[in-house]
C-alpha cells in the first residue's frame, strides 16, 4: 500500500475491497494500515474493486464514503508475460515487478529445462502466495485492475491456448526479432534456455537486449517493453 496520490489526486493509502458501497478492509490490510502506515481514523484513502472502479473514503472502524464511485476504462488491450519456473523467491520478485508495470496476465510455465518442479500441492500453495504478492503490489502501485496470476502450464498448452490473447505470442530468445507492437504475450524460458523442440513450437521470437539475462530479469524487461509500447511511451517504428 502507498501514501502516493490516488487516481484523482486524492491522498492516502489504496486497498482492494469486495463491495465499494460498503467497503471493509481485510484484517491483514487493517493491520498494515494502522501499524505500518500509521493511518488514523478520518485519514483519507481510496478503495477499489480490482475491476476498474474506485472511490475516495476516510479510514475508520467503519470506512466512511467520501466520494462517488469512479469507473475507469481498461487499457487499450491486455498484455501478459509467462515465465518458466525458477527457484527461490524469484517468482515473487517477477510477479511483484510485473504487477507494478501494469501487466495484466502473469502465467507460470513448466519448461523442459526448468530446474524448479512444483507438484500439485506446491502449485496451489505457490499460486496463492503469488496472487497475494500481486495484490500487495497492486495496492502499492495504485492499480485499479488486479492482474490474473495462473499456471502452471506447459509451453505447448500455453501456445494452444494463445488464441484468446488477442495478438502475437512471442518467445523471448537471444538473437530474436525486434518488437513489432503486435505482441500481447511474451514467454520467457528458464536459465538453460528453450530446447530446440520448444523453439519449434513458436511462430515468433523477440530479443530482450544484447546481453544474456537471468530469467526473472528477462520477465521484467519483457513486461516493461510491452507496457511501454501499449501505453504510448515507446513507439515501434518499422524498419
Protein backbone atom coordinates (compact mmCIF):
# COMPACT_ATOMS: atom_id res chain seq x y z
CA UNK A 1 0.00 0.00 0.00
CA UNK A 2 1.16 3.51 -0.68
CA UNK A 3 0.64 7.04 0.52
CA UNK A 4 1.00 8.38 -3.01
CA UNK A 5 -1.83 10.30 -4.60
CA UNK A 6 -4.96 8.47 -5.64
CA UNK A 7 -6.23 8.16 -9.20
CA UNK A 8 -7.80 11.65 -8.99
CA UNK A 9 -5.13 13.22 -6.78
CA UNK A 10 -6.72 12.06 -3.52
CA UNK A 11 -4.12 11.28 -0.88
CA UNK A 12 -3.88 8.27 1.38
CA UNK A 13 -3.34 4.54 1.00
CA UNK A 14 -5.09 2.37 -1.58
CA UNK A 15 -6.69 -1.03 -0.84
CA UNK A 16 -9.00 -3.54 -2.53
CA UNK A 17 -12.43 -4.38 -1.15
CA UNK A 18 -15.28 -6.67 -2.15
CA UNK A 19 -18.01 -4.03 -2.09
CA UNK A 20 -17.47 -0.37 -2.99
CA UNK A 21 -20.84 0.54 -1.48
CA UNK A 22 -19.88 -0.94 1.89
CA UNK A 23 -16.07 -1.16 1.90
CA UNK A 24 -14.44 -3.30 4.57
CA UNK A 25 -10.68 -3.71 4.95
CA UNK A 26 -9.40 -7.24 5.46
CA UNK A 27 -7.74 -7.99 8.78
CA UNK A 28 -4.33 -8.02 7.09
CA UNK A 29 -4.95 -4.69 5.35
CA UNK A 30 -6.34 -3.07 8.51
CA UNK A 31 -3.26 -4.19 10.45
CA UNK A 32 -0.93 -2.80 7.78
CA UNK A 33 -2.86 0.47 7.59
CA UNK A 34 -2.73 1.14 11.31
CA UNK A 35 0.58 -0.44 12.32
CA UNK A 36 2.85 0.10 9.31
CA UNK A 37 1.37 3.20 7.67
CA UNK A 38 0.10 4.76 10.92
CA UNK A 39 -3.27 5.61 9.37
CA UNK A 40 -5.71 7.09 11.86
CA UNK A 41 -9.47 7.45 11.90
CA UNK A 42 -10.55 10.14 9.47
CA UNK A 43 -7.45 9.89 7.27
CA UNK A 44 -8.13 9.87 3.50
CA UNK A 45 -7.77 6.68 1.50
CA UNK A 46 -9.01 5.09 -1.72
CA UNK A 47 -10.66 1.71 -2.26
CA UNK A 48 -11.02 -0.29 -5.46
CA UNK A 49 -12.81 -3.43 -6.57
CA UNK A 50 -9.86 -4.51 -8.73
CA UNK A 51 -12.08 -4.28 -11.82
CA UNK A 52 -11.50 -0.65 -12.74
CA UNK A 53 -13.76 1.09 -10.22
CA UNK A 54 -12.69 3.07 -7.15
CA UNK A 55 -13.85 5.73 -4.70
CA UNK A 56 -12.40 8.09 -2.10
CA UNK A 57 -13.04 7.21 1.54
CA UNK A 58 -11.99 8.02 5.11
CA UNK A 59 -10.44 5.35 7.29
CA UNK A 60 -12.10 4.19 10.49
CA UNK A 61 -13.59 1.19 12.27
CA UNK A 62 -16.24 1.63 9.61
CA UNK A 63 -14.77 3.07 6.41
CA UNK A 64 -16.64 6.28 5.58
CA UNK A 65 -17.55 7.08 1.98
CA UNK A 66 -16.01 10.33 0.78
CA UNK A 67 -16.81 10.36 -2.92
CA UNK A 68 -18.76 8.73 -5.72
CA UNK A 69 -17.72 5.51 -7.43
CA UNK A 70 -15.50 6.26 -10.41
CA UNK A 71 -15.26 3.78 -13.28
CA UNK A 72 -12.03 3.87 -15.28
CA UNK A 73 -11.79 2.38 -18.76
CA UNK A 74 -9.47 -0.61 -19.15
CA UNK A 75 -6.19 -0.32 -21.09
CA UNK A 76 -6.34 -0.35 -24.88
CA UNK A 77 -5.53 -4.08 -24.78
CA UNK A 78 -4.24 -6.64 -22.32
CA UNK A 79 -0.61 -7.67 -22.11
CA UNK A 80 0.88 -10.74 -20.49
CA UNK A 81 4.19 -12.29 -19.51
CA UNK A 82 4.67 -16.01 -18.97
CA UNK A 83 7.87 -17.20 -17.35
CA UNK A 84 9.38 -20.59 -16.65
CA UNK A 85 9.54 -21.85 -13.09
CA UNK A 86 12.61 -20.64 -11.22
CA UNK A 87 13.87 -21.40 -7.74
CA UNK A 88 13.71 -19.45 -4.50
CA UNK A 89 11.98 -16.09 -4.25
CA UNK A 90 12.47 -15.21 -7.92
CA UNK A 91 8.83 -15.91 -8.90
CA UNK A 92 7.71 -13.44 -6.20
CA UNK A 93 10.11 -10.79 -7.47
CA UNK A 94 8.99 -11.21 -11.07
CA UNK A 95 5.30 -11.17 -10.10
CA UNK A 96 5.73 -8.07 -7.95
CA UNK A 97 7.52 -6.09 -10.66
CA UNK A 98 5.26 -7.24 -13.49
CA UNK A 99 2.28 -6.10 -11.44
CA UNK A 100 3.85 -2.69 -10.77
CA UNK A 101 4.50 -2.32 -14.50
CA UNK A 102 0.84 -2.89 -15.37
CA UNK A 103 0.97 -6.40 -16.86
CA UNK A 104 -2.50 -7.96 -16.98
CA UNK A 105 -1.67 -11.66 -17.20
CA UNK A 106 1.15 -13.44 -15.35
CA UNK A 107 1.50 -17.12 -16.21
CA UNK A 108 3.84 -19.76 -14.80
CA UNK A 109 5.30 -22.21 -17.33
CA UNK A 110 6.87 -25.64 -16.83
CA UNK A 111 9.61 -25.64 -19.46
CA UNK A 112 11.61 -28.71 -20.42
CA UNK A 113 14.77 -27.28 -18.86
CA UNK A 114 13.09 -25.84 -15.75
CA UNK A 115 15.10 -26.82 -12.68
CA UNK A 116 12.30 -25.96 -10.27
CA UNK A 117 9.48 -28.51 -10.13
CA UNK A 118 6.10 -27.90 -8.47
CA UNK A 119 3.79 -30.77 -7.60
CA UNK A 120 0.04 -30.18 -7.29
CA UNK A 121 0.33 -29.14 -3.64
CA UNK A 122 3.11 -26.67 -4.45
CA UNK A 123 1.19 -25.24 -7.38
CA UNK A 124 -1.83 -24.45 -5.20
CA UNK A 125 0.25 -23.03 -2.35
CA UNK A 126 2.62 -21.01 -4.53
CA UNK A 127 -0.11 -19.56 -6.75
CA UNK A 128 -1.94 -18.40 -3.63
CA UNK A 129 1.24 -16.70 -2.44
CA UNK A 130 1.92 -15.10 -5.83
CA UNK A 131 -1.64 -13.76 -6.02
CA UNK A 132 -1.14 -12.20 -2.60
CA UNK A 133 2.12 -10.64 -3.86
CA UNK A 134 0.26 -9.29 -6.90
CA UNK A 135 -2.50 -7.82 -4.72
CA UNK A 136 0.00 -6.07 -2.44
CA UNK A 137 1.96 -4.75 -5.42
CA UNK A 138 -1.28 -3.50 -6.98
CA UNK A 139 -2.09 -1.54 -3.82
CA UNK A 140 1.41 -0.08 -3.69
CA UNK A 141 1.32 0.94 -7.36
CA UNK A 142 -2.30 2.14 -7.12
CA UNK A 143 -3.61 -0.17 -9.82
CA UNK A 144 -7.34 -0.34 -10.42
CA UNK A 145 -7.24 -3.64 -12.30
CA UNK A 146 -5.86 -6.68 -10.49
CA UNK A 147 -3.71 -8.91 -12.69
CA UNK A 148 -4.56 -12.54 -13.36
CA UNK A 149 -1.93 -14.95 -12.00
CA UNK A 150 -2.23 -18.51 -13.31
CA UNK A 151 -0.39 -21.71 -14.24
CA UNK A 152 1.44 -23.95 -14.23
CA UNK A 153 1.20 -24.70 -17.99
CA UNK A 154 3.44 -26.45 -20.48
CA UNK A 155 4.61 -24.30 -23.35
CA UNK A 156 2.61 -26.45 -25.77
CA UNK A 157 -0.60 -25.96 -23.80
CA UNK A 158 0.06 -22.23 -23.44
CA UNK A 159 0.55 -21.75 -27.17
CA UNK A 160 -2.54 -23.86 -27.93
CA UNK A 161 -4.48 -21.54 -25.61
CA UNK A 162 -2.99 -18.36 -27.08
CA UNK A 163 -5.92 -17.65 -29.41
CA UNK A 164 -7.61 -15.80 -26.54
CA UNK A 165 -4.65 -13.44 -26.14
CA UNK A 166 -5.77 -11.19 -29.00
CA UNK A 167 -2.38 -10.69 -30.61
CA UNK A 168 1.01 -12.20 -31.24
CA UNK A 169 2.65 -14.57 -28.75
CA UNK A 170 6.44 -14.49 -28.82
CA UNK A 171 9.16 -16.48 -27.12
CA UNK A 172 11.99 -14.42 -25.65
CA UNK A 173 15.20 -15.67 -27.26
CA UNK A 174 18.68 -14.16 -27.75
CA UNK A 175 19.02 -13.24 -31.39
CA UNK A 176 15.27 -12.98 -31.82
CA UNK A 177 13.43 -10.29 -33.72
CA UNK A 178 12.67 -6.75 -32.60
CA UNK A 179 9.28 -5.99 -31.08
CA UNK A 180 6.70 -5.12 -33.72
CA UNK A 181 3.99 -3.68 -31.47
CA UNK A 182 1.65 -6.61 -32.17
CA UNK A 183 2.93 -8.69 -29.25
CA UNK A 184 0.41 -9.33 -26.47
CA UNK A 185 2.18 -12.15 -24.60
CA UNK A 186 5.91 -12.78 -24.22
CA UNK A 187 7.08 -16.13 -22.86
CA UNK A 188 10.41 -16.24 -21.01
CA UNK A 189 12.31 -19.51 -20.71
CA UNK A 190 14.43 -20.98 -17.91
CA UNK A 191 18.08 -20.22 -17.20
CA UNK A 192 19.10 -23.07 -19.52
CA UNK A 193 17.07 -21.65 -22.40
CA UNK A 194 14.45 -23.18 -24.63
CA UNK A 195 15.03 -26.60 -26.17
CA UNK A 196 15.01 -26.92 -29.98
CA UNK A 197 11.65 -28.68 -29.68
CA UNK A 198 10.16 -25.76 -27.73
CA UNK A 199 11.58 -23.20 -30.15
CA UNK A 200 10.00 -25.17 -32.98
CA UNK A 201 6.56 -24.56 -31.45
CA UNK A 202 6.87 -20.77 -31.69
CA UNK A 203 5.82 -18.63 -34.62
CA UNK A 204 7.73 -15.60 -33.33
CA UNK A 205 10.72 -14.83 -31.13
CA UNK A 206 11.79 -11.48 -29.67
CA UNK A 207 15.11 -10.31 -28.27
CA UNK A 208 15.21 -8.53 -24.92
CA UNK A 209 18.62 -6.91 -25.35
CA UNK A 210 22.20 -7.61 -26.31
CA UNK A 211 23.16 -9.42 -23.09
CA UNK A 212 22.08 -12.69 -21.51
CA UNK A 213 19.57 -12.00 -18.75
CA UNK A 214 18.55 -14.03 -15.74
CA UNK A 215 15.08 -15.49 -16.13
CA UNK A 216 13.43 -13.12 -13.64
CA UNK A 217 15.20 -10.10 -15.18
CA UNK A 218 14.07 -11.16 -18.65
CA UNK A 219 10.46 -11.41 -17.45
CA UNK A 220 10.62 -7.88 -16.03
CA UNK A 221 12.20 -6.49 -19.22
CA UNK A 222 9.52 -8.19 -21.32
CA UNK A 223 6.77 -6.69 -19.16
CA UNK A 224 8.31 -3.23 -19.21
CA UNK A 225 8.65 -3.31 -23.00
CA UNK A 226 5.07 -4.47 -23.55
CA UNK A 227 3.72 -1.83 -21.15
CA UNK A 228 5.79 0.99 -22.63
CA UNK A 229 4.60 0.18 -26.15
CA UNK A 230 0.95 -0.24 -25.14
CA UNK A 231 0.84 2.94 -23.07
CA UNK A 232 2.46 5.02 -25.79
CA UNK A 233 5.76 5.79 -24.08
CA UNK A 234 7.73 3.88 -26.71
CA UNK A 235 6.81 3.92 -30.38
CA UNK A 236 7.65 0.93 -32.56
CA UNK A 237 8.92 2.02 -35.96
CA UNK A 238 9.10 -0.40 -38.88
CA UNK A 239 12.48 -0.74 -40.46
